[in-house]
PDB file of N, CA and C in Angstrom:
ATOM      1  N   MET A   1     130.822 117.342  98.066  1.00  0.00           N
ATOM      2  CA  MET A   1     131.460 117.332  96.922  1.00  0.00           C
ATOM      3  C   MET A   1     130.864 118.182  96.044  1.00  0.00           C
ATOM      4  N   ALA A   2     132.135 118.617  95.089  1.00  0.00           N
ATOM      5  CA  ALA A   2     132.094 120.174  93.664  1.00  0.00           C
ATOM      6  C   ALA A   2     131.504 119.183  92.848  1.00  0.00           C
ATOM      7  N   ALA A   3     131.849 118.181  92.306  1.00  0.00           N
ATOM      8  CA  ALA A   3     131.276 117.402  91.216  1.00  0.00           C
ATOM      9  C   ALA A   3     130.245 116.368  90.999  1.00  0.00           C
ATOM     10  N   CYS A   4     129.520 116.005  91.964  1.00  0.00           N
ATOM     11  CA  CYS A   4     128.555 115.112  92.035  1.00  0.00           C
ATOM     12  C   CYS A   4     127.517 116.314  91.945  1.00  0.00           C
ATOM     13  N   VAL A   5     126.682 115.577  91.071  1.00  0.00           N
ATOM     14  CA  VAL A   5     125.211 116.278  90.876  1.00  0.00           C
ATOM     15  C   VAL A   5     124.182 116.512  91.861  1.00  0.00           C
ATOM     16  N   PHE A   6     123.928 115.039  92.942  1.00  0.00           N
ATOM     17  CA  PHE A   6     123.532 114.900  93.909  1.00  0.00           C
ATOM     18  C   PHE A   6     123.967 116.309  94.998  1.00  0.00           C
ATOM     19  N   CYS A   7     124.865 115.997  95.268  1.00  0.00           N
ATOM     20  CA  CYS A   7     125.435 116.770  96.360  1.00  0.00           C
ATOM     21  C   CYS A   7     124.683 118.260  95.847  1.00  0.00           C
ATOM     22  N   ASN A   8     124.557 118.501  94.635  1.00  0.00           N
ATOM     23  CA  ASN A   8     124.421 120.262  94.469  1.00  0.00           C
ATOM     24  C   ASN A   8     123.695 120.722  93.784  1.00  0.00           C
ATOM     25  N   LEU A   9     121.976 119.839  93.879  1.00  0.00           N
ATOM     26  CA  LEU A   9     120.689 119.632  93.567  1.00  0.00           C
ATOM     27  C   LEU A   9     120.747 121.233  93.806  1.00  0.00           C
ATOM     28  N   ASP A  10     119.447 121.675  92.924  1.00  0.00           N
ATOM     29  CA  ASP A  10     118.592 122.959  93.751  1.00  0.00           C
ATOM     30  C   ASP A  10     117.606 122.282  94.614  1.00  0.00           C
ATOM     31  N   GLN A  11     117.673 123.109  95.727  1.00  0.00           N
ATOM     32  CA  GLN A  11     116.377 122.231  96.923  1.00  0.00           C
ATOM     33  C   GLN A  11     115.165 122.434  96.277  1.00  0.00           C
ATOM     34  N   THR A  12     114.825 123.400  95.030  1.00  0.00           N
ATOM     35  CA  THR A  12     113.514 123.937  94.674  1.00  0.00           C
ATOM     36  C   THR A  12     112.841 122.335  93.918  1.00  0.00           C
ATOM     37  N   ARG A  13     113.788 121.941  94.031  1.00  0.00           N
ATOM     38  CA  ARG A  13     113.421 120.265  93.172  1.00  0.00           C
ATOM     39  C   ARG A  13     112.938 118.972  93.809  1.00  0.00           C
ATOM     40  N   TYR A  14     113.579 119.239  95.356  1.00  0.00           N
ATOM     41  CA  TYR A  14     112.520 117.963  96.709  1.00  0.00           C
ATOM     42  C   TYR A  14     111.498 118.451  96.346  1.00  0.00           C
ATOM     43  N   LEU A  15     111.140 116.782  96.167  1.00  0.00           N
ATOM     44  CA  LEU A  15     109.343 116.655  96.590  1.00  0.00           C
ATOM     45  C   LEU A  15     108.995 116.792  98.207  1.00  0.00           C
ATOM     46  N   MET A  16     110.369 116.118  99.077  1.00  0.00           N
ATOM     47  CA  MET A  16     110.178 116.149 100.245  1.00  0.00           C
ATOM     48  C   MET A  16     111.607 115.626 100.771  1.00  0.00           C
ATOM     49  N   GLU A  17     111.899 115.697 102.187  1.00  0.00           N
ATOM     50  CA  GLU A  17     112.950 115.874 102.684  1.00  0.00           C
ATOM     51  C   GLU A  17     112.891 115.173 104.388  1.00  0.00           C
ATOM     52  N   ASN A  18     113.855 114.915 104.584  1.00  0.00           N
ATOM     53  CA  ASN A  18     113.760 115.134 106.571  1.00  0.00           C
ATOM     54  C   ASN A  18     114.953 115.130 106.745  1.00  0.00           C
ATOM     55  N   ASP A  19     115.798 114.853 107.981  1.00  0.00           N
ATOM     56  CA  ASP A  19     116.959 115.564 108.373  1.00  0.00           C
ATOM     57  C   ASP A  19     118.144 114.798 107.513  1.00  0.00           C
ATOM     58  N   VAL A  20     117.610 113.451 107.305  1.00  0.00           N
ATOM     59  CA  VAL A  20     119.405 112.651 106.167  1.00  0.00           C
ATOM     60  C   VAL A  20     118.859 112.679 104.898  1.00  0.00           C
ATOM     61  N   ALA A  21     117.645 112.781 104.288  1.00  0.00           N
ATOM     62  CA  ALA A  21     117.936 112.772 102.710  1.00  0.00           C
ATOM     63  C   ALA A  21     116.429 113.664 102.127  1.00  0.00           C
ATOM     64  N   PHE A  22     116.610 113.633 101.017  1.00  0.00           N
ATOM     65  CA  PHE A  22     115.317 113.917  99.191  1.00  0.00           C
ATOM     66  C   PHE A  22     114.887 112.983  99.264  1.00  0.00           C
ATOM     67  N   VAL A  23     114.030 113.759  98.072  1.00  0.00           N
ATOM     68  CA  VAL A  23     113.621 112.962  97.497  1.00  0.00           C
ATOM     69  C   VAL A  23     113.066 113.885  96.122  1.00  0.00           C
ATOM     70  N   VAL A  24     113.580 113.453  94.520  1.00  0.00           N
ATOM     71  CA  VAL A  24     113.391 114.230  93.583  1.00  0.00           C
ATOM     72  C   VAL A  24     112.711 113.300  92.318  1.00  0.00           C
ATOM     73  N   ASN A  25     112.237 113.474  91.520  1.00  0.00           N
ATOM     74  CA  ASN A  25     111.485 113.047  90.369  1.00  0.00           C
ATOM     75  C   ASN A  25     113.306 112.584  89.719  1.00  0.00           C
ATOM     76  N   ASP A  26     113.153 111.657  88.885  1.00  0.00           N
ATOM     77  CA  ASP A  26     114.221 111.042  88.116  1.00  0.00           C
ATOM     78  C   ASP A  26     114.392 112.005  86.752  1.00  0.00           C
ATOM     79  N   ILE A  27     115.710 112.551  86.197  1.00  0.00           N
ATOM     80  CA  ILE A  27     115.384 113.203  85.167  1.00  0.00           C
ATOM     81  C   ILE A  27     115.157 112.543  83.788  1.00  0.00           C
ATOM     82  N   ASN A  28     115.074 110.554  84.166  1.00  0.00           N
ATOM     83  CA  ASN A  28     115.109 110.083  82.957  1.00  0.00           C
ATOM     84  C   ASN A  28     114.119 109.041  83.624  1.00  0.00           C
ATOM     85  N   PRO A  29     112.915 109.440  83.451  1.00  0.00           N
ATOM     86  CA  PRO A  29     111.988 108.468  84.410  1.00  0.00           C
ATOM     87  C   PRO A  29     111.256 107.236  83.539  1.00  0.00           C
ATOM     88  N   VAL A  30     112.072 105.952  83.905  1.00  0.00           N
ATOM     89  CA  VAL A  30     111.079 104.897  83.354  1.00  0.00           C
ATOM     90  C   VAL A  30     109.441 104.727  83.781  1.00  0.00           C
ATOM     91  N   THR A  31     109.068 105.527  84.432  1.00  0.00           N
ATOM     92  CA  THR A  31     107.207 105.374  84.775  1.00  0.00           C
ATOM     93  C   THR A  31     107.110 106.961  84.713  1.00  0.00           C
ATOM     94  N   GLU A  32     106.299 107.252  84.397  1.00  0.00           N
ATOM     95  CA  GLU A  32     105.681 108.558  85.119  1.00  0.00           C
ATOM     96  C   GLU A  32     105.700 108.621  86.982  1.00  0.00           C
ATOM     97  N   GLY A  33     106.211 109.447  87.645  1.00  0.00           N
ATOM     98  CA  GLY A  33     106.090 109.181  89.228  1.00  0.00           C
ATOM     99  C   GLY A  33     107.212 109.087  89.311  1.00  0.00           C
ATOM    100  N   HIS A  34     108.875 108.364  88.895  1.00  0.00           N
ATOM    101  CA  HIS A  34     109.747 107.387  89.198  1.00  0.00           C
ATOM    102  C   HIS A  34     110.342 108.832  89.558  1.00  0.00           C
ATOM    103  N   ALA A  35     110.825 108.241  91.208  1.00  0.00           N
ATOM    104  CA  ALA A  35     111.554 109.153  91.998  1.00  0.00           C
ATOM    105  C   ALA A  35     112.649 108.562  92.836  1.00  0.00           C
ATOM    106  N   LEU A  36     113.563 109.523  93.171  1.00  0.00           N
ATOM    107  CA  LEU A  36     114.825 108.908  93.622  1.00  0.00           C
ATOM    108  C   LEU A  36     115.050 109.444  95.072  1.00  0.00           C
ATOM    109  N   ILE A  37     115.265 108.876  95.874  1.00  0.00           N
ATOM    110  CA  ILE A  37     115.094 108.927  97.042  1.00  0.00           C
ATOM    111  C   ILE A  37     116.984 108.884  97.628  1.00  0.00           C
ATOM    112  N   ILE A  38     117.153 110.242  98.046  1.00  0.00           N
ATOM    113  CA  ILE A  38     118.678 110.311  98.008  1.00  0.00           C
ATOM    114  C   ILE A  38     118.921 110.647  99.269  1.00  0.00           C
ATOM    115  N   PRO A  39     120.415 110.432  99.872  1.00  0.00           N
ATOM    116  CA  PRO A  39     120.829 110.943 101.342  1.00  0.00           C
ATOM    117  C   PRO A  39     121.960 111.720 100.993  1.00  0.00           C
ATOM    118  N   LYS A  40     121.519 113.031 102.304  1.00  0.00           N
ATOM    119  CA  LYS A  40     122.098 113.710 102.360  1.00  0.00           C
ATOM    120  C   LYS A  40     123.553 114.735 102.292  1.00  0.00           C
ATOM    121  N   ARG A  41     124.085 113.090 103.097  1.00  0.00           N
ATOM    122  CA  ARG A  41     125.681 112.865 103.160  1.00  0.00           C
ATOM    123  C   ARG A  41     126.098 112.383 101.574  1.00  0.00           C
ATOM    124  N   HIS A  42     126.937 112.920 101.192  1.00  0.00           N
ATOM    125  CA  HIS A  42     127.748 112.277  99.785  1.00  0.00           C
ATOM    126  C   HIS A  42     128.158 110.563 100.363  1.00  0.00           C
ATOM    127  N   PHE A  43     128.344 109.373  99.626  1.00  0.00           N
ATOM    128  CA  PHE A  43     128.653 107.734  99.560  1.00  0.00           C
ATOM    129  C   PHE A  43     127.765 107.243  98.697  1.00  0.00           C
ATOM    130  N   ALA A  44     128.245 106.091  98.244  1.00  0.00           N
ATOM    131  CA  ALA A  44     128.231 105.791  97.209  1.00  0.00           C
ATOM    132  C   ALA A  44     127.082 104.209  97.481  1.00  0.00           C
ATOM    133  N   ASP A  45     127.439 103.492  98.546  1.00  0.00           N
ATOM    134  CA  ASP A  45     126.999 102.213  98.812  1.00  0.00           C
ATOM    135  C   ASP A  45     126.276 102.816  99.589  1.00  0.00           C
ATOM    136  N   LEU A  46     125.118 101.964  99.512  1.00  0.00           N
ATOM    137  CA  LEU A  46     124.139 101.443 100.757  1.00  0.00           C
ATOM    138  C   LEU A  46     124.176 100.644 101.701  1.00  0.00           C
ATOM    139  N   PHE A  47     125.466 100.034 101.692  1.00  0.00           N
ATOM    140  CA  PHE A  47     126.117  99.287 102.849  1.00  0.00           C
ATOM    141  C   PHE A  47     126.447 100.545 104.061  1.00  0.00           C
ATOM    142  N   ASP A  48     126.508 101.466 103.016  1.00  0.00           N
ATOM    143  CA  ASP A  48     127.794 102.163 104.325  1.00  0.00           C
ATOM    144  C   ASP A  48     127.038 103.521 104.641  1.00  0.00           C
ATOM    145  N   ALA A  49     125.477 102.961 104.638  1.00  0.00           N
ATOM    146  CA  ALA A  49     124.489 104.400 105.608  1.00  0.00           C
ATOM    147  C   ALA A  49     124.391 104.042 106.948  1.00  0.00           C
ATOM    148  N   THR A  50     124.407 104.859 107.687  1.00  0.00           N
ATOM    149  CA  THR A  50     123.959 104.441 109.219  1.00  0.00           C
ATOM    150  C   THR A  50     122.902 104.304 109.329  1.00  0.00           C
ATOM    151  N   GLU A  51     122.616 103.682 110.867  1.00  0.00           N
ATOM    152  CA  GLU A  51     121.277 103.016 110.317  1.00  0.00           C
ATOM    153  C   GLU A  51     119.978 104.491 110.602  1.00  0.00           C
ATOM    154  N   GLU A  52     120.701 105.642 111.462  1.00  0.00           N
ATOM    155  CA  GLU A  52     119.562 106.521 111.243  1.00  0.00           C
ATOM    156  C   GLU A  52     119.543 107.081 109.615  1.00  0.00           C
ATOM    157  N   GLU A  53     120.244 106.727 108.669  1.00  0.00           N
ATOM    158  CA  GLU A  53     120.312 107.420 107.166  1.00  0.00           C
ATOM    159  C   GLU A  53     119.340 106.117 106.856  1.00  0.00           C
ATOM    160  N   ASN A  54     119.036 104.907 106.881  1.00  0.00           N
ATOM    161  CA  ASN A  54     118.572 104.210 106.601  1.00  0.00           C
ATOM    162  C   ASN A  54     117.305 104.140 107.113  1.00  0.00           C
ATOM    163  N   LYS A  55     116.877 104.454 108.010  1.00  0.00           N
ATOM    164  CA  LYS A  55     115.250 104.763 108.418  1.00  0.00           C
ATOM    165  C   LYS A  55     115.244 105.911 107.978  1.00  0.00           C
ATOM    166  N   GLY A  56     115.315 107.387 107.308  1.00  0.00           N
ATOM    167  CA  GLY A  56     115.238 107.988 106.962  1.00  0.00           C
ATOM    168  C   GLY A  56     114.787 107.942 105.606  1.00  0.00           C
ATOM    169  N   LEU A  57     116.302 107.501 105.016  1.00  0.00           N
ATOM    170  CA  LEU A  57     115.455 106.705 103.685  1.00  0.00           C
ATOM    171  C   LEU A  57     114.503 105.836 102.987  1.00  0.00           C
ATOM    172  N   PHE A  58     114.568 105.336 104.133  1.00  0.00           N
ATOM    173  CA  PHE A  58     112.310 104.236 104.369  1.00  0.00           C
ATOM    174  C   PHE A  58     111.970 105.020 104.603  1.00  0.00           C
ATOM    175  N   ASP A  59     111.968 105.757 105.495  1.00  0.00           N
ATOM    176  CA  ASP A  59     110.891 106.601 105.910  1.00  0.00           C
ATOM    177  C   ASP A  59     110.200 107.520 104.192  1.00  0.00           C
ATOM    178  N   LEU A  60     111.419 107.720 103.764  1.00  0.00           N
ATOM    179  CA  LEU A  60     110.913 109.002 102.583  1.00  0.00           C
ATOM    180  C   LEU A  60     110.226 107.615 101.481  1.00  0.00           C
ATOM    181  N   LEU A  61     110.995 106.625 101.459  1.00  0.00           N
ATOM    182  CA  LEU A  61     110.720 105.939 100.199  1.00  0.00           C
ATOM    183  C   LEU A  61     109.118 105.592 100.118  1.00  0.00           C
ATOM    184  N   ARG A  62     108.933 104.801 101.804  1.00  0.00           N
ATOM    185  CA  ARG A  62     107.849 104.781 102.235  1.00  0.00           C
ATOM    186  C   ARG A  62     106.371 106.231 102.021  1.00  0.00           C
ATOM    187  N   LYS A  63     106.849 107.029 102.567  1.00  0.00           N
ATOM    188  CA  LYS A  63     105.925 108.401 102.575  1.00  0.00           C
ATOM    189  C   LYS A  63     105.529 108.429 100.676  1.00  0.00           C
ATOM    190  N   ARG A  64     106.931 108.374  99.856  1.00  0.00           N
ATOM    191  CA  ARG A  64     106.582 108.999  98.602  1.00  0.00           C
ATOM    192  C   ARG A  64     105.345 108.220  97.712  1.00  0.00           C
ATOM    193  N   LYS A  65     105.721 106.437  98.353  1.00  0.00           N
ATOM    194  CA  LYS A  65     105.058 105.462  97.929  1.00  0.00           C
ATOM    195  C   LYS A  65     103.839 105.697  98.129  1.00  0.00           C
ATOM    196  N   GLU A  66     102.946 106.178  99.063  1.00  0.00           N
ATOM    197  CA  GLU A  66     101.920 106.701  99.684  1.00  0.00           C
ATOM    198  C   GLU A  66     101.603 107.878  98.909  1.00  0.00           C
ATOM    199  N   ALA A  67     102.099 108.668  98.813  1.00  0.00           N
ATOM    200  CA  ALA A  67     101.601 110.152  98.604  1.00  0.00           C
ATOM    201  C   ALA A  67     101.554 109.872  96.686  1.00  0.00           C
ATOM    202  N   LEU A  68     102.505 108.707  95.859  1.00  0.00           N
ATOM    203  CA  LEU A  68     101.920 108.290  94.699  1.00  0.00           C
ATOM    204  C   LEU A  68     100.602 108.035  94.405  1.00  0.00           C
ATOM    205  N   GLN A  69     100.065 106.674  95.363  1.00  0.00           N
ATOM    206  CA  GLN A  69      99.368 106.067  94.984  1.00  0.00           C
ATOM    207  C   GLN A  69      98.245 107.016  95.907  1.00  0.00           C
ATOM    208  N   ALA A  70      98.700 108.094  96.559  1.00  0.00           N
ATOM    209  CA  ALA A  70      96.948 108.741  96.536  1.00  0.00           C
ATOM    210  C   ALA A  70      96.771 109.658  95.627  1.00  0.00           C
ATOM    211  N   SER A  71      97.769 110.128  95.014  1.00  0.00           N
ATOM    212  CA  SER A  71      97.405 111.080  93.442  1.00  0.00           C
ATOM    213  C   SER A  71      97.174 110.191  92.401  1.00  0.00           C
ATOM    214  N   ASP A  72      97.115 109.149  92.247  1.00  0.00           N
ATOM    215  CA  ASP A  72      97.349 108.129  91.422  1.00  0.00           C
ATOM    216  C   ASP A  72      96.697 106.894  90.909  1.00  0.00           C
ATOM    217  N   ASN A  73      95.159 106.761  90.895  1.00  0.00           N
ATOM    218  CA  ASN A  73      94.802 104.981  91.162  1.00  0.00           C
ATOM    219  C   ASN A  73      95.027 104.311  89.786  1.00  0.00           C
ATOM    220  N   THR A  74      96.082 104.863  89.058  1.00  0.00           N
ATOM    221  CA  THR A  74      96.525 103.898  87.961  1.00  0.00           C
ATOM    222  C   THR A  74      97.773 103.157  87.928  1.00  0.00           C
ATOM    223  N   ILE A  75      98.147 103.483  89.396  1.00  0.00           N
ATOM    224  CA  ILE A  75      99.513 103.035  89.647  1.00  0.00           C
ATOM    225  C   ILE A  75      98.707 101.132  90.867  1.00  0.00           C
ATOM    226  N   ASP A  76      99.553  99.805  90.036  1.00  0.00           N
ATOM    227  CA  ASP A  76      99.570  98.800  90.318  1.00  0.00           C
ATOM    228  C   ASP A  76     100.710  98.196  91.533  1.00  0.00           C
ATOM    229  N   GLY A  77     101.446  98.661  90.793  1.00  0.00           N
ATOM    230  CA  GLY A  77     102.532  98.200  92.189  1.00  0.00           C
ATOM    231  C   GLY A  77     103.756  98.849  91.559  1.00  0.00           C
ATOM    232  N   PHE A  78     105.237  98.414  92.440  1.00  0.00           N
ATOM    233  CA  PHE A  78     106.324  99.627  92.283  1.00  0.00           C
ATOM    234  C   PHE A  78     107.546  98.484  92.239  1.00  0.00           C
ATOM    235  N   ASN A  79     108.339  99.142  91.826  1.00  0.00           N
ATOM    236  CA  ASN A  79     109.568  98.250  91.739  1.00  0.00           C
ATOM    237  C   ASN A  79     111.135  99.630  92.287  1.00  0.00           C
ATOM    238  N   VAL A  80     111.373  99.274  93.656  1.00  0.00           N
ATOM    239  CA  VAL A  80     112.536  99.308  94.059  1.00  0.00           C
ATOM    240  C   VAL A  80     113.486  99.282  93.978  1.00  0.00           C
ATOM    241  N   GLY A  81     114.733 100.205  93.447  1.00  0.00           N
ATOM    242  CA  GLY A  81     116.195  99.715  92.683  1.00  0.00           C
ATOM    243  C   GLY A  81     117.695 100.385  93.785  1.00  0.00           C
ATOM    244  N   VAL A  82     118.416  99.482  94.345  1.00  0.00           N
ATOM    245  CA  VAL A  82     119.494 100.245  94.261  1.00  0.00           C
ATOM    246  C   VAL A  82     120.680 100.040  92.912  1.00  0.00           C
ATOM    247  N   ASN A  83     121.341 100.151  92.652  1.00  0.00           N
ATOM    248  CA  ASN A  83     122.734 100.284  91.612  1.00  0.00           C
ATOM    249  C   ASN A  83     123.778 100.260  92.492  1.00  0.00           C
ATOM    250  N   ILE A  84     124.545  99.063  92.733  1.00  0.00           N
ATOM    251  CA  ILE A  84     126.112  99.656  93.634  1.00  0.00           C
ATOM    252  C   ILE A  84     126.647  98.962  93.413  1.00  0.00           C
ATOM    253  N   GLY A  85     127.573  99.874  92.782  1.00  0.00           N
ATOM    254  CA  GLY A  85     128.927  99.809  91.981  1.00  0.00           C
ATOM    255  C   GLY A  85     128.508  99.505  90.065  1.00  0.00           C
ATOM    256  N   GLN A  86     129.652  99.984  89.463  1.00  0.00           N
ATOM    257  CA  GLN A  86     129.817 100.277  88.193  1.00  0.00           C
ATOM    258  C   GLN A  86     129.510  98.468  87.666  1.00  0.00           C
ATOM    259  N   ALA A  87     129.967  97.709  87.890  1.00  0.00           N
ATOM    260  CA  ALA A  87     129.456  96.544  87.167  1.00  0.00           C
ATOM    261  C   ALA A  87     127.457  95.955  87.796  1.00  0.00           C
ATOM    262  N   ALA A  88     127.284  96.466  88.533  1.00  0.00           N
ATOM    263  CA  ALA A  88     125.551  96.914  88.605  1.00  0.00           C
ATOM    264  C   ALA A  88     124.937  97.576  88.343  1.00  0.00           C
ATOM    265  N   GLY A  89     125.434  98.747  87.380  1.00  0.00           N
ATOM    266  CA  GLY A  89     124.844  99.819  86.867  1.00  0.00           C
ATOM    267  C   GLY A  89     124.692 101.371  87.238  1.00  0.00           C
ATOM    268  N   GLN A  90     125.452 101.187  88.301  1.00  0.00           N
ATOM    269  CA  GLN A  90     125.795 102.631  88.954  1.00  0.00           C
ATOM    270  C   GLN A  90     126.446 103.528  87.948  1.00  0.00           C
ATOM    271  N   THR A  91     125.832 104.355  87.893  1.00  0.00           N
ATOM    272  CA  THR A  91     126.450 105.446  87.200  1.00  0.00           C
ATOM    273  C   THR A  91     126.775 106.939  88.133  1.00  0.00           C
ATOM    274  N   VAL A  92     125.730 107.316  88.828  1.00  0.00           N
ATOM    275  CA  VAL A  92     126.193 108.824  89.749  1.00  0.00           C
ATOM    276  C   VAL A  92     126.633 107.787  91.314  1.00  0.00           C
ATOM    277  N   PHE A  93     127.761 108.019  91.550  1.00  0.00           N
ATOM    278  CA  PHE A  93     128.282 107.400  92.622  1.00  0.00           C
ATOM    279  C   PHE A  93     128.330 108.015  93.892  1.00  0.00           C
ATOM    280  N   HIS A  94     126.695 108.334  94.265  1.00  0.00           N
ATOM    281  CA  HIS A  94     125.839 108.994  95.371  1.00  0.00           C
ATOM    282  C   HIS A  94     124.824 108.091  95.477  1.00  0.00           C
ATOM    283  N   LEU A  95     124.768 107.446  96.512  1.00  0.00           N
ATOM    284  CA  LEU A  95     123.922 106.622  96.929  1.00  0.00           C
ATOM    285  C   LEU A  95     122.278 107.327  96.447  1.00  0.00           C
ATOM    286  N   HIS A  96     121.345 106.652  95.888  1.00  0.00           N
ATOM    287  CA  HIS A  96     120.327 106.773  95.413  1.00  0.00           C
ATOM    288  C   HIS A  96     119.628 105.566  95.397  1.00  0.00           C
ATOM    289  N   ILE A  97     118.252 105.212  95.774  1.00  0.00           N
ATOM    290  CA  ILE A  97     116.659 104.818  95.702  1.00  0.00           C
ATOM    291  C   ILE A  97     115.844 104.502  94.854  1.00  0.00           C
ATOM    292  N   HIS A  98     115.889 104.070  93.737  1.00  0.00           N
ATOM    293  CA  HIS A  98     114.831 104.377  92.354  1.00  0.00           C
ATOM    294  C   HIS A  98     113.436 103.948  93.188  1.00  0.00           C
ATOM    295  N   LEU A  99     112.462 104.868  93.136  1.00  0.00           N
ATOM    296  CA  LEU A  99     111.139 104.592  93.419  1.00  0.00           C
ATOM    297  C   LEU A  99     110.378 103.927  92.062  1.00  0.00           C
ATOM    298  N   ILE A 100     110.300 103.383  91.320  1.00  0.00           N
ATOM    299  CA  ILE A 100     109.850 103.216  90.333  1.00  0.00           C
ATOM    300  C   ILE A 100     107.746 102.371  90.276  1.00  0.00           C
ATOM    301  N   PRO A 101     106.665 103.610  90.011  1.00  0.00           N
ATOM    302  CA  PRO A 101     105.777 103.534  89.635  1.00  0.00           C
ATOM    303  C   PRO A 101     105.404 102.401  89.047  1.00  0.00           C
ATOM    304  N   ARG A 102     104.347 101.395  88.475  1.00  0.00           N
ATOM    305  CA  ARG A 102     104.142 100.339  87.569  1.00  0.00           C
ATOM    306  C   ARG A 102     103.189 100.550  87.514  1.00  0.00           C
ATOM    307  N   ARG A 103     101.730  99.882  86.606  1.00  0.00           N
ATOM    308  CA  ARG A 103     100.823 100.139  86.050  1.00  0.00           C
ATOM    309  C   ARG A 103     100.618  98.962  85.321  1.00  0.00           C
ATOM    310  N   LYS A 104      99.202  98.631  85.225  1.00  0.00           N
ATOM    311  CA  LYS A 104      99.008  97.122  84.256  1.00  0.00           C
ATOM    312  C   LYS A 104      99.264  97.958  82.941  1.00  0.00           C
ATOM    313  N   GLY A 105     100.223  97.159  81.952  1.00  0.00           N
ATOM    314  CA  GLY A 105     100.552  97.085  80.905  1.00  0.00           C
ATOM    315  C   GLY A 105     101.504  97.579  80.286  1.00  0.00           C
ATOM    316  N   ASP A 106     102.352  98.665  81.587  1.00  0.00           N
ATOM    317  CA  ASP A 106     103.635  99.349  80.998  1.00  0.00           C
ATOM    318  C   ASP A 106     104.649  98.677  80.600  1.00  0.00           C
ATOM    319  N   ILE A 107     104.558  97.201  80.837  1.00  0.00           N
ATOM    320  CA  ILE A 107     105.192  96.568  80.346  1.00  0.00           C
ATOM    321  C   ILE A 107     105.094  94.863  79.268  1.00  0.00           C
ATOM    322  N   ASP A 108     105.571  94.473  78.656  1.00  0.00           N
ATOM    323  CA  ASP A 108     104.556  93.038  78.055  1.00  0.00           C
ATOM    324  C   ASP A 108     104.417  92.379  78.740  1.00  0.00           C
ATOM    325  N   ASP A 109     105.520  91.603  79.761  1.00  0.00           N
ATOM    326  CA  ASP A 109     105.455  90.911  80.375  1.00  0.00           C
ATOM    327  C   ASP A 109     106.365  90.902  82.152  1.00  0.00           C
ATOM    328  N   PRO A 110     105.303  91.549  83.039  1.00  0.00           N
ATOM    329  CA  PRO A 110     106.456  91.950  84.424  1.00  0.00           C
ATOM    330  C   PRO A 110     106.786  90.922  85.129  1.00  0.00           C
ATOM    331  N   THR A 111     106.878  89.784  84.498  1.00  0.00           N
ATOM    332  CA  THR A 111     107.387  88.106  85.223  1.00  0.00           C
ATOM    333  C   THR A 111     108.947  88.639  85.792  1.00  0.00           C
ATOM    334  N   GLY A 112     109.011  88.538  86.767  1.00  0.00           N
ATOM    335  CA  GLY A 112     110.288  88.198  86.791  1.00  0.00           C
ATOM    336  C   GLY A 112     110.991  89.718  87.642  1.00  0.00           C
ATOM    337  N   GLY A 113     110.031  90.842  87.798  1.00  0.00           N
ATOM    338  CA  GLY A 113     110.362  91.918  88.206  1.00  0.00           C
ATOM    339  C   GLY A 113     111.610  92.983  87.365  1.00  0.00           C
ATOM    340  N   VAL A 114     111.837  93.745  87.746  1.00  0.00           N
ATOM    341  CA  VAL A 114     113.003  94.266  86.896  1.00  0.00           C
ATOM    342  C   VAL A 114     114.216  93.341  86.210  1.00  0.00           C
ATOM    343  N   ARG A 115     114.381  92.007  86.706  1.00  0.00           N
ATOM    344  CA  ARG A 115     115.281  91.081  85.806  1.00  0.00           C
ATOM    345  C   ARG A 115     114.059  90.943  84.492  1.00  0.00           C
ATOM    346  N   GLY A 116     112.710  90.845  84.370  1.00  0.00           N
ATOM    347  CA  GLY A 116     112.490  89.971  83.510  1.00  0.00           C
ATOM    348  C   GLY A 116     112.456  88.645  83.859  1.00  0.00           C
ATOM    349  N   VAL A 117     112.341  88.338  82.656  1.00  0.00           N
ATOM    350  CA  VAL A 117     111.706  86.526  82.426  1.00  0.00           C
ATOM    351  C   VAL A 117     113.494  86.139  81.664  1.00  0.00           C
ATOM    352  N   ILE A 118     114.106  84.824  82.097  1.00  0.00           N
ATOM    353  CA  ILE A 118     115.581  84.479  81.986  1.00  0.00           C
ATOM    354  C   ILE A 118     115.371  83.032  81.290  1.00  0.00           C
ATOM    355  N   PRO A 119     115.472  83.109  80.026  1.00  0.00           N
ATOM    356  CA  PRO A 119     114.982  81.546  79.442  1.00  0.00           C
ATOM    357  C   PRO A 119     115.858  80.905  80.395  1.00  0.00           C
ATOM    358  N   GLY A 120     114.924  79.294  80.709  1.00  0.00           N
ATOM    359  CA  GLY A 120     115.324  78.399  81.408  1.00  0.00           C
ATOM    360  C   GLY A 120     115.574  78.988  82.888  1.00  0.00           C
ATOM    361  N   ARG A 121     115.551  79.763  82.831  1.00  0.00           N
ATOM    362  CA  ARG A 121     115.293  80.407  84.903  1.00  0.00           C
ATOM    363  C   ARG A 121     114.329  80.217  85.225  1.00  0.00           C
ATOM    364  N   ARG A 122     114.196  79.751  86.937  1.00  0.00           N
ATOM    365  CA  ARG A 122     112.642  79.829  87.648  1.00  0.00           C
ATOM    366  C   ARG A 122     112.446  80.917  87.970  1.00  0.00           C
ATOM    367  N   VAL A 123     111.234  81.556  88.123  1.00  0.00           N
ATOM    368  CA  VAL A 123     111.066  82.722  88.712  1.00  0.00           C
ATOM    369  C   VAL A 123     110.724  82.737  90.202  1.00  0.00           C
ATOM    370  N   TYR A 124     110.827  82.983  91.148  1.00  0.00           N
ATOM    371  CA  TYR A 124     110.786  83.021  92.387  1.00  0.00           C
ATOM    372  C   TYR A 124     109.581  84.023  93.086  1.00  0.00           C
TER     373      TYR A 124
END
């Protein structure tokens, strides 16, 4: 797709890749090391990924997590996220999975993960 930013990324930005996907640093990171795992085929919805694509995406997700942990001992956890559809906050309509390293103290209260604490709701 000519207008898709992810379809037209310079391959020199790739941190790692396999047959179906690649990893790049997020250009607007939430934390240091925030990466995106992106399929090579253009599609917007995680639920449209093939079995092979799912395997390749999650293989790179795991490998990038391991590489980050090996190179940065300040990482205490991770957020993994996918926005599907405009109502869910998706702004680039080419599937991408966010891998966000978290460190103690990088947010005031991590309770509830990416949702945060919603007053009056139980956190599971």
